[in-house]
Amino acid sequence: MPFLLRLPESLDVRVRQRAAEVGISINALVCVALDAYLRTPAKPASSAPVNPPGASIPSSPPPGPPPPALTRRQRRELERRQKLDTRTG
């Protein structure tokens, strides 16, 4: 079945690049992507967490690059400090 698909230019470039990287047609890439998306179970709107009355809504993190990954040693130190904070706090 023929189907016209209009993509923003930036997405079109990424689709063409990925199809070339994988060595498949754009049509095949779109089919694979749609199939993967449709296999993911949809979350009903009612599954969203509801804040009780009077509860503060957490603020979203500021936009920007993701934080750098921590080393194992840094993670252990952070966990140690968090445990100390919960004991004293």
N, C-alpha and C. Protein backbone atom coordinates (compact mmCIF):
# COMPACT_ATOMS: atom_id res chain seq x y z
N MET A 1 0.84 -1.17 0.00
CA MET A 1 0.00 0.00 0.00
C MET A 1 0.89 1.24 0.00
N PRO A 2 0.78 2.10 -0.98
CA PRO A 2 1.57 3.33 -1.00
C PRO A 2 1.14 4.24 0.15
N PHE A 3 2.13 4.93 0.71
CA PHE A 3 1.85 5.79 1.86
C PHE A 3 2.80 6.97 1.82
N LEU A 4 2.24 8.17 1.88
CA LEU A 4 3.06 9.37 1.89
C LEU A 4 3.41 9.70 3.33
N LEU A 5 4.67 9.89 3.60
CA LEU A 5 5.13 10.21 4.94
C LEU A 5 5.93 11.49 4.88
N ARG A 6 5.48 12.49 5.61
CA ARG A 6 6.18 13.78 5.64
C ARG A 6 6.98 13.85 6.93
N LEU A 7 8.28 14.02 6.78
CA LEU A 7 9.18 14.09 7.92
C LEU A 7 9.85 15.45 7.97
N PRO A 8 10.11 15.95 9.17
CA PRO A 8 10.92 17.16 9.26
C PRO A 8 12.30 16.87 8.68
N GLU A 9 12.94 17.89 8.16
CA GLU A 9 14.22 17.70 7.49
C GLU A 9 15.26 17.03 8.38
N SER A 10 15.31 17.43 9.66
CA SER A 10 16.30 16.85 10.56
C SER A 10 16.05 15.35 10.76
N LEU A 11 14.78 14.95 10.86
CA LEU A 11 14.47 13.54 11.02
C LEU A 11 14.72 12.78 9.73
N ASP A 12 14.43 13.40 8.60
CA ASP A 12 14.68 12.77 7.31
C ASP A 12 16.16 12.44 7.15
N VAL A 13 17.02 13.37 7.53
CA VAL A 13 18.46 13.14 7.43
C VAL A 13 18.87 11.96 8.31
N ARG A 14 18.35 11.93 9.54
CA ARG A 14 18.70 10.83 10.46
C ARG A 14 18.20 9.49 9.95
N VAL A 15 16.99 9.48 9.38
CA VAL A 15 16.42 8.23 8.84
C VAL A 15 17.28 7.72 7.69
N ARG A 16 17.65 8.61 6.80
CA ARG A 16 18.47 8.20 5.65
C ARG A 16 19.84 7.68 6.11
N GLN A 17 20.44 8.37 7.08
CA GLN A 17 21.75 7.93 7.60
C GLN A 17 21.65 6.55 8.24
N ARG A 18 20.64 6.36 9.08
CA ARG A 18 20.52 5.07 9.78
C ARG A 18 20.23 3.94 8.79
N ALA A 19 19.37 4.19 7.81
CA ALA A 19 19.08 3.16 6.82
C ALA A 19 20.35 2.78 6.06
N ALA A 20 21.17 3.77 5.72
CA ALA A 20 22.42 3.50 5.02
C ALA A 20 23.39 2.73 5.91
N GLU A 21 23.45 3.11 7.21
CA GLU A 21 24.34 2.41 8.15
C GLU A 21 23.97 0.93 8.27
N VAL A 22 22.67 0.68 8.36
CA VAL A 22 22.20 -0.69 8.56
C VAL A 22 22.17 -1.46 7.25
N GLY A 23 22.10 -0.72 6.14
CA GLY A 23 22.09 -1.37 4.83
C GLY A 23 20.71 -1.83 4.40
N ILE A 24 19.67 -1.08 4.81
CA ILE A 24 18.30 -1.40 4.41
C ILE A 24 17.67 -0.16 3.80
N SER A 25 16.51 -0.36 3.18
CA SER A 25 15.81 0.78 2.57
C SER A 25 15.13 1.61 3.66
N ILE A 26 14.78 2.83 3.30
CA ILE A 26 14.06 3.70 4.24
C ILE A 26 12.72 3.05 4.59
N ASN A 27 12.07 2.46 3.61
CA ASN A 27 10.80 1.78 3.86
C ASN A 27 10.97 0.68 4.90
N ALA A 28 12.02 -0.13 4.76
CA ALA A 28 12.26 -1.21 5.72
C ALA A 28 12.55 -0.65 7.11
N LEU A 29 13.32 0.44 7.17
CA LEU A 29 13.62 1.05 8.46
C LEU A 29 12.36 1.55 9.14
N VAL A 30 11.49 2.22 8.38
CA VAL A 30 10.23 2.72 8.94
C VAL A 30 9.37 1.55 9.42
N CYS A 31 9.33 0.47 8.66
CA CYS A 31 8.55 -0.70 9.07
C CYS A 31 9.08 -1.30 10.36
N VAL A 32 10.40 -1.42 10.47
CA VAL A 32 11.01 -1.97 11.68
C VAL A 32 10.74 -1.06 12.88
N ALA A 33 10.88 0.25 12.68
CA ALA A 33 10.66 1.20 13.76
C ALA A 33 9.21 1.18 14.22
N LEU A 34 8.27 1.17 13.28
CA LEU A 34 6.86 1.12 13.65
C LEU A 34 6.51 -0.19 14.36
N ASP A 35 7.04 -1.28 13.88
CA ASP A 35 6.79 -2.57 14.51
C ASP A 35 7.30 -2.57 15.95
N ALA A 36 8.51 -2.05 16.16
CA ALA A 36 9.06 -1.99 17.52
C ALA A 36 8.22 -1.09 18.41
N TYR A 37 7.77 0.04 17.88
CA TYR A 37 6.95 0.96 18.66
C TYR A 37 5.61 0.33 19.02
N LEU A 38 4.99 -0.34 18.07
CA LEU A 38 3.67 -0.93 18.31
C LEU A 38 3.74 -2.16 19.22
N ARG A 39 4.88 -2.80 19.32
CA ARG A 39 5.03 -3.94 20.24
C ARG A 39 5.17 -3.50 21.69
N THR A 40 5.55 -2.25 21.91
CA THR A 40 5.68 -1.73 23.26
C THR A 40 4.29 -1.46 23.81
N PRO A 41 3.98 -2.04 24.98
CA PRO A 41 2.64 -1.83 25.51
C PRO A 41 2.38 -0.36 25.81
N ALA A 42 1.19 0.08 25.43
CA ALA A 42 0.81 1.47 25.70
C ALA A 42 0.47 1.62 27.17
N LYS A 43 0.85 2.74 27.76
CA LYS A 43 0.53 2.99 29.15
C LYS A 43 -0.75 3.81 29.21
N PRO A 44 -1.78 3.31 29.89
CA PRO A 44 -3.01 4.08 29.99
C PRO A 44 -2.79 5.35 30.81
N ALA A 45 -3.56 6.36 30.53
CA ALA A 45 -3.41 7.64 31.22
C ALA A 45 -3.61 7.49 32.72
N SER A 46 -4.42 6.53 33.13
CA SER A 46 -4.70 6.35 34.56
C SER A 46 -3.50 5.77 35.32
N SER A 47 -2.49 5.27 34.61
CA SER A 47 -1.33 4.69 35.29
C SER A 47 -0.34 5.75 35.74
N ALA A 48 -0.58 7.00 35.37
CA ALA A 48 0.32 8.07 35.78
C ALA A 48 0.19 8.27 37.29
N PRO A 49 1.30 8.49 38.00
CA PRO A 49 1.22 8.68 39.44
C PRO A 49 0.44 9.95 39.78
N VAL A 50 -0.36 9.84 40.81
CA VAL A 50 -1.17 10.96 41.25
C VAL A 50 -0.60 11.47 42.56
N ASN A 51 -0.37 12.77 42.63
CA ASN A 51 0.15 13.36 43.86
C ASN A 51 -1.00 13.58 44.83
N PRO A 52 -0.83 13.18 46.10
CA PRO A 52 -1.89 13.43 47.07
C PRO A 52 -2.06 14.92 47.30
N PRO A 53 -3.25 15.32 47.77
CA PRO A 53 -3.47 16.75 48.01
C PRO A 53 -2.42 17.32 48.95
N GLY A 54 -1.93 18.48 48.62
CA GLY A 54 -0.94 19.15 49.45
C GLY A 54 0.49 18.71 49.18
N ALA A 55 0.67 17.68 48.37
CA ALA A 55 2.04 17.21 48.07
C ALA A 55 2.67 18.15 47.06
N SER A 56 3.94 18.39 47.24
CA SER A 56 4.63 19.24 46.28
C SER A 56 5.00 18.43 45.06
N ILE A 57 4.91 19.05 43.93
CA ILE A 57 5.26 18.40 42.67
C ILE A 57 6.74 18.63 42.42
N PRO A 58 7.52 17.54 42.24
CA PRO A 58 8.96 17.74 42.03
C PRO A 58 9.22 18.52 40.75
N SER A 59 10.19 19.39 40.83
CA SER A 59 10.53 20.17 39.65
C SER A 59 11.36 19.32 38.70
N SER A 60 11.23 19.60 37.42
CA SER A 60 12.00 18.84 36.45
C SER A 60 13.43 19.36 36.44
N PRO A 61 14.37 18.49 36.10
CA PRO A 61 15.77 18.93 36.08
C PRO A 61 15.98 19.98 35.00
N PRO A 62 16.92 20.87 35.20
CA PRO A 62 17.17 21.90 34.19
C PRO A 62 17.69 21.26 32.91
N PRO A 63 17.34 21.84 31.76
CA PRO A 63 17.83 21.28 30.51
C PRO A 63 19.33 21.46 30.39
N GLY A 64 19.94 20.54 29.71
CA GLY A 64 21.39 20.62 29.52
C GLY A 64 21.94 19.24 29.25
N PRO A 65 23.24 19.13 29.12
CA PRO A 65 23.83 17.83 28.84
C PRO A 65 23.67 16.91 30.06
N PRO A 66 23.61 15.59 29.82
CA PRO A 66 23.48 14.67 30.94
C PRO A 66 24.76 14.71 31.79
N PRO A 67 24.61 14.39 33.07
CA PRO A 67 25.80 14.40 33.92
C PRO A 67 26.76 13.30 33.48
N PRO A 68 28.05 13.50 33.72
CA PRO A 68 29.01 12.47 33.33
C PRO A 68 28.82 11.22 34.16
N ALA A 69 29.15 10.08 33.60
CA ALA A 69 29.01 8.81 34.32
C ALA A 69 30.03 8.76 35.45
N LEU A 70 29.60 8.20 36.57
CA LEU A 70 30.48 8.07 37.72
C LEU A 70 31.28 6.77 37.64
N THR A 71 32.46 6.79 38.18
CA THR A 71 33.23 5.56 38.27
C THR A 71 32.67 4.74 39.42
N ARG A 72 33.04 3.50 39.53
CA ARG A 72 32.58 2.63 40.60
C ARG A 72 32.96 3.22 41.96
N ARG A 73 34.18 3.72 42.03
CA ARG A 73 34.66 4.31 43.29
C ARG A 73 33.82 5.54 43.67
N GLN A 74 33.52 6.38 42.69
CA GLN A 74 32.71 7.57 42.95
C GLN A 74 31.29 7.19 43.38
N ARG A 75 30.72 6.16 42.76
CA ARG A 75 29.37 5.70 43.15
C ARG A 75 29.36 5.21 44.58
N ARG A 76 30.38 4.41 44.96
CA ARG A 76 30.45 3.90 46.34
C ARG A 76 30.56 5.05 47.33
N GLU A 77 31.39 6.04 47.01
CA GLU A 77 31.55 7.19 47.90
C GLU A 77 30.23 7.97 48.02
N LEU A 78 29.54 8.14 46.91
CA LEU A 78 28.27 8.83 46.94
C LEU A 78 27.25 8.07 47.78
N GLU A 79 27.18 6.76 47.61
CA GLU A 79 26.26 5.94 48.40
C GLU A 79 26.61 6.01 49.88
N ARG A 80 27.91 5.99 50.20
CA ARG A 80 28.34 6.08 51.59
C ARG A 80 27.88 7.40 52.20
N ARG A 81 28.06 8.48 51.46
CA ARG A 81 27.67 9.80 51.96
C ARG A 81 26.16 9.92 52.11
N GLN A 82 25.41 9.31 51.17
CA GLN A 82 23.95 9.35 51.27
C GLN A 82 23.47 8.60 52.51
N LYS A 83 24.12 7.47 52.82
CA LYS A 83 23.75 6.71 54.02
C LYS A 83 24.04 7.55 55.27
N LEU A 84 25.18 8.20 55.28
CA LEU A 84 25.51 9.05 56.43
C LEU A 84 24.51 10.17 56.58
N ASP A 85 24.11 10.77 55.46
CA ASP A 85 23.14 11.87 55.50
C ASP A 85 21.80 11.41 56.05
N THR A 86 21.35 10.20 55.66
CA THR A 86 20.05 9.73 56.14
C THR A 86 20.10 9.40 57.63
N ARG A 87 21.26 8.98 58.12
CA ARG A 87 21.39 8.67 59.55
C ARG A 87 21.40 9.94 60.39
N THR A 88 22.06 10.96 59.88
CA THR A 88 22.20 12.21 60.66
C THR A 88 21.08 13.19 60.37
N GLY A 89 20.37 13.00 59.28
CA GLY A 89 19.38 13.98 58.84
C GLY A 89 18.07 13.77 59.43
